[in-house]
Amino acid sequence: MNLFSRKTVLEVVTSIFVNLTSGWFGVLLISPGLSSGITVDIYLKSLFSNLQYGIFGLIVSLVLTQRCKSL
């Protein structure tokens, strides 16, 4: 017996990815930046890695949303 339907599980996973994505984009906008004494290289590496994760999470959440709608 299944406790949860496949659609419910996909909706929950989609919500998790949307929240993670908003967090990664929030880090891009709210990061402390250069004021904390870190070098430009470390700062840019942090920004670009968070941008990659944010875009990946956004794509995954869009794909999962489309899959939920098709069920």
C-alpha atoms as a PDB file:
ATOM      1  CA  MET A   1       0.000   0.000   0.000  1.00  0.00           C
ATOM      2  CA  ASN A   2       1.358   3.401  -0.975  1.00  0.00           C
ATOM      3  CA  LEU A   3       1.179   6.104   1.646  1.00  0.00           C
ATOM      4  CA  PHE A   4       1.657   8.943  -0.824  1.00  0.00           C
ATOM      5  CA  SER A   5       0.841   9.213  -4.490  1.00  0.00           C
ATOM      6  CA  ARG A   6       3.550   9.918  -7.023  1.00  0.00           C
ATOM      7  CA  LYS A   7       2.075  13.348  -7.712  1.00  0.00           C
ATOM      8  CA  THR A   8       2.255  14.297  -4.033  1.00  0.00           C
ATOM      9  CA  VAL A   9       5.893  13.241  -3.790  1.00  0.00           C
ATOM     10  CA  LEU A  10       6.778  15.206  -6.938  1.00  0.00           C
ATOM     11  CA  GLU A  11       5.012  18.294  -5.593  1.00  0.00           C
ATOM     12  CA  VAL A  12       6.957  18.088  -2.324  1.00  0.00           C
ATOM     13  CA  VAL A  13      10.297  17.606  -4.112  1.00  0.00           C
ATOM     14  CA  THR A  14       9.440  20.506  -6.428  1.00  0.00           C
ATOM     15  CA  SER A  15       8.718  22.740  -3.437  1.00  0.00           C
ATOM     16  CA  ILE A  16      12.042  21.777  -1.873  1.00  0.00           C
ATOM     17  CA  PHE A  17      13.928  22.637  -5.073  1.00  0.00           C
ATOM     18  CA  VAL A  18      12.098  25.973  -5.368  1.00  0.00           C
ATOM     19  CA  ASN A  19      13.100  26.863  -1.805  1.00  0.00           C
ATOM     20  CA  LEU A  20      16.711  25.804  -2.380  1.00  0.00           C
ATOM     21  CA  THR A  21      16.823  27.845  -5.564  1.00  0.00           C
ATOM     22  CA  SER A  22      15.501  30.940  -3.821  1.00  0.00           C
ATOM     23  CA  GLY A  23      18.173  30.449  -1.164  1.00  0.00           C
ATOM     24  CA  TRP A  24      20.966  30.223  -3.721  1.00  0.00           C
ATOM     25  CA  PHE A  25      19.753  33.344  -5.521  1.00  0.00           C
ATOM     26  CA  GLY A  26      19.374  35.052  -2.143  1.00  0.00           C
ATOM     27  CA  VAL A  27      23.026  34.325  -1.397  1.00  0.00           C
ATOM     28  CA  LEU A  28      23.920  36.070  -4.635  1.00  0.00           C
ATOM     29  CA  LEU A  29      22.045  39.215  -3.649  1.00  0.00           C
ATOM     30  CA  ILE A  30      22.592  39.287   0.108  1.00  0.00           C
ATOM     31  CA  SER A  31      26.152  37.981   0.352  1.00  0.00           C
ATOM     32  CA  PRO A  32      28.472  40.124   2.465  1.00  0.00           C
ATOM     33  CA  GLY A  33      30.761  40.731  -0.486  1.00  0.00           C
ATOM     34  CA  LEU A  34      34.140  42.313  -0.224  1.00  0.00           C
ATOM     35  CA  SER A  35      33.586  44.039   3.122  1.00  0.00           C
ATOM     36  CA  SER A  36      34.593  40.983   5.176  1.00  0.00           C
ATOM     37  CA  GLY A  37      38.227  40.989   4.024  1.00  0.00           C
ATOM     38  CA  ILE A  38      38.072  38.136   1.530  1.00  0.00           C
ATOM     39  CA  THR A  39      39.820  38.284  -1.817  1.00  0.00           C
ATOM     40  CA  VAL A  40      38.052  38.996  -5.080  1.00  0.00           C
ATOM     41  CA  ASP A  41      38.837  35.492  -6.360  1.00  0.00           C
ATOM     42  CA  ILE A  42      37.119  33.770  -3.441  1.00  0.00           C
ATOM     43  CA  TYR A  43      34.169  36.167  -3.666  1.00  0.00           C
ATOM     44  CA  LEU A  44      33.660  35.560  -7.405  1.00  0.00           C
ATOM     45  CA  LYS A  45      34.069  31.800  -6.971  1.00  0.00           C
ATOM     46  CA  SER A  46      31.342  31.841  -4.320  1.00  0.00           C
ATOM     47  CA  LEU A  47      29.046  33.937  -6.496  1.00  0.00           C
ATOM     48  CA  PHE A  48      29.460  31.803  -9.599  1.00  0.00           C
ATOM     49  CA  SER A  49      29.068  28.507  -7.747  1.00  0.00           C
ATOM     50  CA  ASN A  50      25.841  29.746  -6.154  1.00  0.00           C
ATOM     51  CA  LEU A  51      24.653  30.990  -9.541  1.00  0.00           C
ATOM     52  CA  GLN A  52      25.251  27.538 -11.050  1.00  0.00           C
ATOM     53  CA  TYR A  53      23.371  25.819  -8.234  1.00  0.00           C
ATOM     54  CA  GLY A  54      20.541  28.343  -8.504  1.00  0.00           C
ATOM     55  CA  ILE A  55      20.132  27.815 -12.241  1.00  0.00           C
ATOM     56  CA  PHE A  56      20.328  24.030 -11.819  1.00  0.00           C
ATOM     57  CA  GLY A  57      17.683  24.100  -9.087  1.00  0.00           C
ATOM     58  CA  LEU A  58      15.459  26.322 -11.204  1.00  0.00           C
ATOM     59  CA  ILE A  59      15.686  23.953 -14.176  1.00  0.00           C
ATOM     60  CA  VAL A  60      14.985  20.910 -11.991  1.00  0.00           C
ATOM     61  CA  SER A  61      11.992  22.598 -10.380  1.00  0.00           C
ATOM     62  CA  LEU A  62      10.601  23.593 -13.788  1.00  0.00           C
ATOM     63  CA  VAL A  63      10.976  20.037 -15.105  1.00  0.00           C
ATOM     64  CA  LEU A  64       9.331  18.588 -12.001  1.00  0.00           C
ATOM     65  CA  THR A  65       6.493  21.113 -12.221  1.00  0.00           C
ATOM     66  CA  GLN A  66       5.802  20.075 -15.801  1.00  0.00           C
ATOM     67  CA  ARG A  67       5.859  16.424 -14.749  1.00  0.00           C
ATOM     68  CA  CYS A  68       3.395  17.103 -11.929  1.00  0.00           C
ATOM     69  CA  LYS A  69       1.013  18.770 -14.350  1.00  0.00           C
ATOM     70  CA  SER A  70       1.144  15.808 -16.717  1.00  0.00           C
ATOM     71  CA  LEU A  71       0.157  13.300 -13.997  1.00  0.00           C
END
